[in-house]
C-alpha atoms as a PDB file:
ATOM      1  CA  MET A   1      44.535 115.333  82.530  1.00  0.00           C
ATOM      2  CA  THR A   2      47.522 116.580  80.590  1.00  0.00           C
ATOM      3  CA  ARG A   3      49.791 115.190  83.377  1.00  0.00           C
ATOM      4  CA  ILE A   4      48.145 111.684  83.059  1.00  0.00           C
ATOM      5  CA  LEU A   5      48.735 111.566  79.429  1.00  0.00           C
ATOM      6  CA  THR A   6      52.371 112.629  79.858  1.00  0.00           C
ATOM      7  CA  LEU A   7      52.890 109.985  82.298  1.00  0.00           C
ATOM      8  CA  SER A   8      51.193 107.362  80.175  1.00  0.00           C
ATOM      9  CA  ALA A   9      53.525 108.368  77.212  1.00  0.00           C
ATOM     10  CA  ALA A  10      56.520 108.192  79.233  1.00  0.00           C
ATOM     11  CA  LEU A  11      55.570 104.784  80.530  1.00  0.00           C
ATOM     12  CA  ALA A  12      54.869 103.507  77.007  1.00  0.00           C
ATOM     13  CA  ALA A  13      58.334 104.931  75.953  1.00  0.00           C
ATOM     14  CA  VAL A  14      60.124 103.207  78.765  1.00  0.00           C
ATOM     15  CA  THR A  15      58.336  99.978  78.074  1.00  0.00           C
ATOM     16  CA  ALA A  16      59.348 100.037  74.296  1.00  0.00           C
ATOM     17  CA  LEU A  17      62.974 100.832  75.153  1.00  0.00           C
ATOM     18  CA  ALA A  18      63.151  98.145  77.812  1.00  0.00           C
ATOM     19  CA  ALA A  19      62.024  95.486  75.220  1.00  0.00           C
ATOM     20  CA  CYS A  20      65.235  96.411  73.328  1.00  0.00           C
ATOM     21  CA  GLU A  21      67.566  95.524  76.153  1.00  0.00           C
ATOM     22  CA  PRO A  22      68.911  92.077  76.545  1.00  0.00           C
ATOM     23  CA  ALA A  23      67.092  89.910  79.100  1.00  0.00           C
ATOM     24  CA  ALA A  24      69.086  89.518  82.436  1.00  0.00           C
ATOM     25  CA  PRO A  25      69.787  85.763  82.979  1.00  0.00           C
ATOM     26  CA  THR A  26      67.142  84.121  85.238  1.00  0.00           C
ATOM     27  CA  ASP A  27      69.589  81.496  86.735  1.00  0.00           C
ATOM     28  CA  PRO A  28      71.164  83.040  89.642  1.00  0.00           C
ATOM     29  CA  ALA A  29      74.119  80.648  89.226  1.00  0.00           C
ATOM     30  CA  HIS A  30      75.377  82.501  86.318  1.00  0.00           C
ATOM     31  CA  ASN A  31      75.359  85.759  88.330  1.00  0.00           C
ATOM     32  CA  ILE A  32      78.434  85.504  90.338  1.00  0.00           C
ATOM     33  CA  PRO A  33      79.329  89.025  91.887  1.00  0.00           C
ATOM     34  CA  THR A  34      82.966  89.966  91.637  1.00  0.00           C
ATOM     35  CA  GLY A  35      84.744  91.263  94.699  1.00  0.00           C
ATOM     36  CA  GLN A  36      86.031  90.195  98.127  1.00  0.00           C
ATOM     37  CA  TYR A  37      84.762  87.120  99.987  1.00  0.00           C
ATOM     38  CA  VAL A  38      85.774  85.322 103.210  1.00  0.00           C
ATOM     39  CA  LEU A  39      85.607  81.690 103.696  1.00  0.00           C
ATOM     40  CA  VAL A  40      83.211  80.684 106.583  1.00  0.00           C
ATOM     41  CA  GLY A  41      82.819  77.043 105.801  1.00  0.00           C
ATOM     42  CA  ILE A  42      84.818  74.147 104.362  1.00  0.00           C
ATOM     43  CA  GLY A  43      82.692  70.785 103.863  1.00  0.00           C
ATOM     44  CA  SER A  44      80.382  70.719 107.134  1.00  0.00           C
ATOM     45  CA  ASP A  45      83.058  72.425 109.134  1.00  0.00           C
ATOM     46  CA  THR A  46      82.844  76.335 109.999  1.00  0.00           C
ATOM     47  CA  VAL A  47      85.949  78.387 109.658  1.00  0.00           C
ATOM     48  CA  PRO A  48      85.729  80.740 112.534  1.00  0.00           C
ATOM     49  CA  GLN A  49      88.992  82.279 112.161  1.00  0.00           C
ATOM     50  CA  ARG A  50      87.929  83.930 108.779  1.00  0.00           C
ATOM     51  CA  ASN A  51      91.476  83.733 107.805  1.00  0.00           C
ATOM     52  CA  VAL A  52      90.896  82.674 104.238  1.00  0.00           C
ATOM     53  CA  GLY A  53      90.102  85.290 101.608  1.00  0.00           C
ATOM     54  CA  LEU A  54      89.032  85.043  97.973  1.00  0.00           C
ATOM     55  CA  THR A  55      88.636  87.840  95.283  1.00  0.00           C
ATOM     56  CA  ILE A  56      86.591  87.225  92.073  1.00  0.00           C
ATOM     57  CA  GLU A  57      87.960  89.444  89.432  1.00  0.00           C
ATOM     58  CA  ALA A  58      86.068  90.849  86.478  1.00  0.00           C
ATOM     59  CA  ASP A  59      87.492  88.393  84.069  1.00  0.00           C
ATOM     60  CA  GLY A  60      86.403  85.449  86.553  1.00  0.00           C
ATOM     61  CA  SER A  61      89.970  84.705  87.602  1.00  0.00           C
ATOM     62  CA  LEU A  62      90.467  84.137  91.536  1.00  0.00           C
ATOM     63  CA  SER A  63      93.025  85.382  93.968  1.00  0.00           C
ATOM     64  CA  GLY A  64      93.200  85.758  97.582  1.00  0.00           C
ATOM     65  CA  GLN A  65      95.029  84.714 100.734  1.00  0.00           C
ATOM     66  CA  ALA A  66      94.728  81.463 102.604  1.00  0.00           C
ATOM     67  CA  PRO A  67      96.123  81.586 106.294  1.00  0.00           C
ATOM     68  CA  CYS A  68      99.867  81.737 105.173  1.00  0.00           C
ATOM     69  CA  ASN A  69      99.962  82.052 101.483  1.00  0.00           C
ATOM     70  CA  HIS A  70      98.719  84.284  98.680  1.00  0.00           C
ATOM     71  CA  TYR A  71      97.292  82.500  95.575  1.00  0.00           C
ATOM     72  CA  ASN A  72      95.752  83.227  92.180  1.00  0.00           C
ATOM     73  CA  ALA A  73      94.316  81.155  89.386  1.00  0.00           C
ATOM     74  CA  PRO A  74      92.236  81.472  86.398  1.00  0.00           C
ATOM     75  CA  GLN A  75      88.861  80.005  86.497  1.00  0.00           C
ATOM     76  CA  THR A  76      88.285  78.608  82.932  1.00  0.00           C
ATOM     77  CA  ALA A  77      84.710  77.423  83.084  1.00  0.00           C
ATOM     78  CA  GLU A  78      81.295  79.204  82.443  1.00  0.00           C
ATOM     79  CA  PRO A  79      79.393  79.325  85.565  1.00  0.00           C
ATOM     80  CA  PRO A  80      77.506  77.351  87.018  1.00  0.00           C
ATOM     81  CA  ALA A  81      80.432  75.127  86.162  1.00  0.00           C
ATOM     82  CA  PHE A  82      83.957  75.561  87.818  1.00  0.00           C
ATOM     83  CA  LYS A  83      87.401  74.524  86.789  1.00  0.00           C
ATOM     84  CA  LEU A  84      90.641  76.241  87.957  1.00  0.00           C
ATOM     85  CA  GLY A  85      93.673  76.796  85.763  1.00  0.00           C
ATOM     86  CA  ALA A  86      97.127  76.403  87.350  1.00  0.00           C
ATOM     87  CA  VAL A  87      97.074  77.760  90.997  1.00  0.00           C
ATOM     88  CA  THR A  88     100.150  79.846  91.914  1.00  0.00           C
ATOM     89  CA  ASN A  89     100.973  80.634  95.447  1.00  0.00           C
ATOM     90  CA  THR A  90     103.676  82.234  97.575  1.00  0.00           C
ATOM     91  CA  ARG A  91     104.698  78.773  99.037  1.00  0.00           C
ATOM     92  CA  MET A  92     105.582  80.255 102.496  1.00  0.00           C
ATOM     93  CA  ALA A  93     105.932  77.631 105.301  1.00  0.00           C
ATOM     94  CA  CYS A  94     102.524  76.663 107.042  1.00  0.00           C
ATOM     95  CA  SER A  95     102.220  74.411 110.008  1.00  0.00           C
ATOM     96  CA  GLY A  96      99.812  73.528 112.706  1.00  0.00           C
ATOM     97  CA  ASN A  97      96.157  74.371 112.359  1.00  0.00           C
ATOM     98  CA  ALA A  98      96.922  77.015 109.707  1.00  0.00           C
ATOM     99  CA  GLY A  99      98.681  74.575 107.726  1.00  0.00           C
ATOM    100  CA  ARG A 100      95.984  71.963 107.924  1.00  0.00           C
ATOM    101  CA  LEU A 101      93.342  74.440 106.822  1.00  0.00           C
ATOM    102  CA  GLU A 102      95.435  75.720 104.017  1.00  0.00           C
ATOM    103  CA  ASN A 103      96.245  72.252 102.763  1.00  0.00           C
ATOM    104  CA  ARG A 104      92.446  71.231 102.905  1.00  0.00           C
ATOM    105  CA  TYR A 105      91.270  74.496 101.353  1.00  0.00           C
ATOM    106  CA  PHE A 106      93.723  74.244  98.327  1.00  0.00           C
ATOM    107  CA  GLU A 107      92.723  70.536  97.818  1.00  0.00           C
ATOM    108  CA  ALA A 108      88.972  71.401  97.938  1.00  0.00           C
ATOM    109  CA  LEU A 109      89.510  74.463  95.630  1.00  0.00           C
ATOM    110  CA  SER A 110      91.485  72.307  93.162  1.00  0.00           C
ATOM    111  CA  GLN A 111      88.691  69.676  93.082  1.00  0.00           C
ATOM    112  CA  ALA A 112      85.823  72.134  92.703  1.00  0.00           C
ATOM    113  CA  ASP A 113      83.526  71.649  89.835  1.00  0.00           C
ATOM    114  CA  GLY A 114      80.716  74.273  90.426  1.00  0.00           C
ATOM    115  CA  ILE A 115      80.109  77.802  91.560  1.00  0.00           C
ATOM    116  CA  LYS A 116      76.777  79.507  92.508  1.00  0.00           C
ATOM    117  CA  TYR A 117      75.692  82.690  94.521  1.00  0.00           C
ATOM    118  CA  GLU A 118      72.495  82.497  96.290  1.00  0.00           C
ATOM    119  CA  GLY A 119      71.027  84.390  99.287  1.00  0.00           C
ATOM    120  CA  GLY A 120      74.036  86.332  99.826  1.00  0.00           C
ATOM    121  CA  VAL A 121      76.258  83.280  99.886  1.00  0.00           C
ATOM    122  CA  LEU A 122      79.001  82.088  97.339  1.00  0.00           C
ATOM    123  CA  ILE A 123      79.224  78.406  97.454  1.00  0.00           C
ATOM    124  CA  ILE A 124      81.957  76.713  95.308  1.00  0.00           C
ATOM    125  CA  THR A 125      80.867  72.964  94.854  1.00  0.00           C
ATOM    126  CA  GLY A 126      82.747  69.752  94.453  1.00  0.00           C
ATOM    127  CA  PRO A 127      83.713  66.722  96.666  1.00  0.00           C
ATOM    128  CA  THR A 128      83.962  69.276  99.514  1.00  0.00           C
ATOM    129  CA  TYR A 129      81.884  72.665  99.610  1.00  0.00           C
ATOM    130  CA  LEU A 130      83.641  75.882 100.003  1.00  0.00           C
ATOM    131  CA  THR A 131      81.172  78.485 101.482  1.00  0.00           C
ATOM    132  CA  TYR A 132      82.021  82.125 101.619  1.00  0.00           C
ATOM    133  CA  GLU A 133      80.287  85.467 102.590  1.00  0.00           C
ATOM    134  CA  PRO A 134      81.115  88.736 101.126  1.00  0.00           C
ATOM    135  CA  GLY A 135      83.899  90.441 103.295  1.00  0.00           C
ATOM    136  CA  TYR A 136      87.471  90.570 103.870  1.00  0.00           C
ATOM    137  CA  ARG A 137      89.739  88.171 105.338  1.00  0.00           C
ATOM    138  CA  LYS A 138      90.831  88.474 108.921  1.00  0.00           C
ATOM    139  CA  GLU A 139      94.453  89.713 109.320  1.00  0.00           C
ATOM    140  CA  GLN A 140      96.543  87.743 111.787  1.00  0.00           C
END
């Protein structure tokens, strides 16, 4: 009986303390996990090479490596909105399929207007969707 009363008192204390904590956002679009991602889709096309990486930093800024160039940019909007500041990259020559993918990727990223994380998938939205899974870019 004493054990039941002790457990009841502990539960009441935890419940009272939990009421003091701020509520977690209920909109998953606002919960964008930081860390490493790999591009798996651009528009309706898959990216089987997995050679485009993205890192979301704690301050919301982005960095990564496309097929040929490293890049970084501040993300200046509050999710679920998305707006990139100036993108800087290493400007190495990039031709062939890698160059076409890189150009398409940077164009889609620069035109993006939304971001969400659902079901373990990060999606940056805009005229062309960019779909990422958690993970690391495949090295060449």
